[in-house]
């Protein structure tokens, strides 16, 4: 096994020299950019990874992140609609309260409940907005990982 790794390292050295001799504007050298590093890591760690596998893995992670962002965006939109509904209801109840001062106990409780609901909805919205930002950053990291 050690002799095989030694032979692989020699072959990798020759490949790197060949790629280096092609120049920075080489189509072939560009296509194989990063592959030698993966090969070296494979040799050192007894891995069998390829650039194709890494690209497919990154693509799958990106797809999952897009789906998660889409789901989160739907949930945020629902929370925004709930918040708007709650705020509209709160406004309506404030108007009713002004007109019907005689039953203040019942109206005040309803207003308090709606304010709590509104605050909870706003807090959930802020959490989801923060989650979207985090997921977008994670997606950006996944998408740019192989470019670094």
Foldseek 3Di string as FASTA:
>chain_A
DVVVLVVLVVVLVVVVVVLVVCDPPDPVNVVCPPQSVVSVVCSVPVHDDGPVNLVVVLVVVLVVLVVVLVVLVVVLVVLVVVLVVLVVVLVVLVVVCVVCVPPCVVSVVVNVVSVVVNVVSVVVNVVSVVVSVVSVVVSVCSVCVVVD
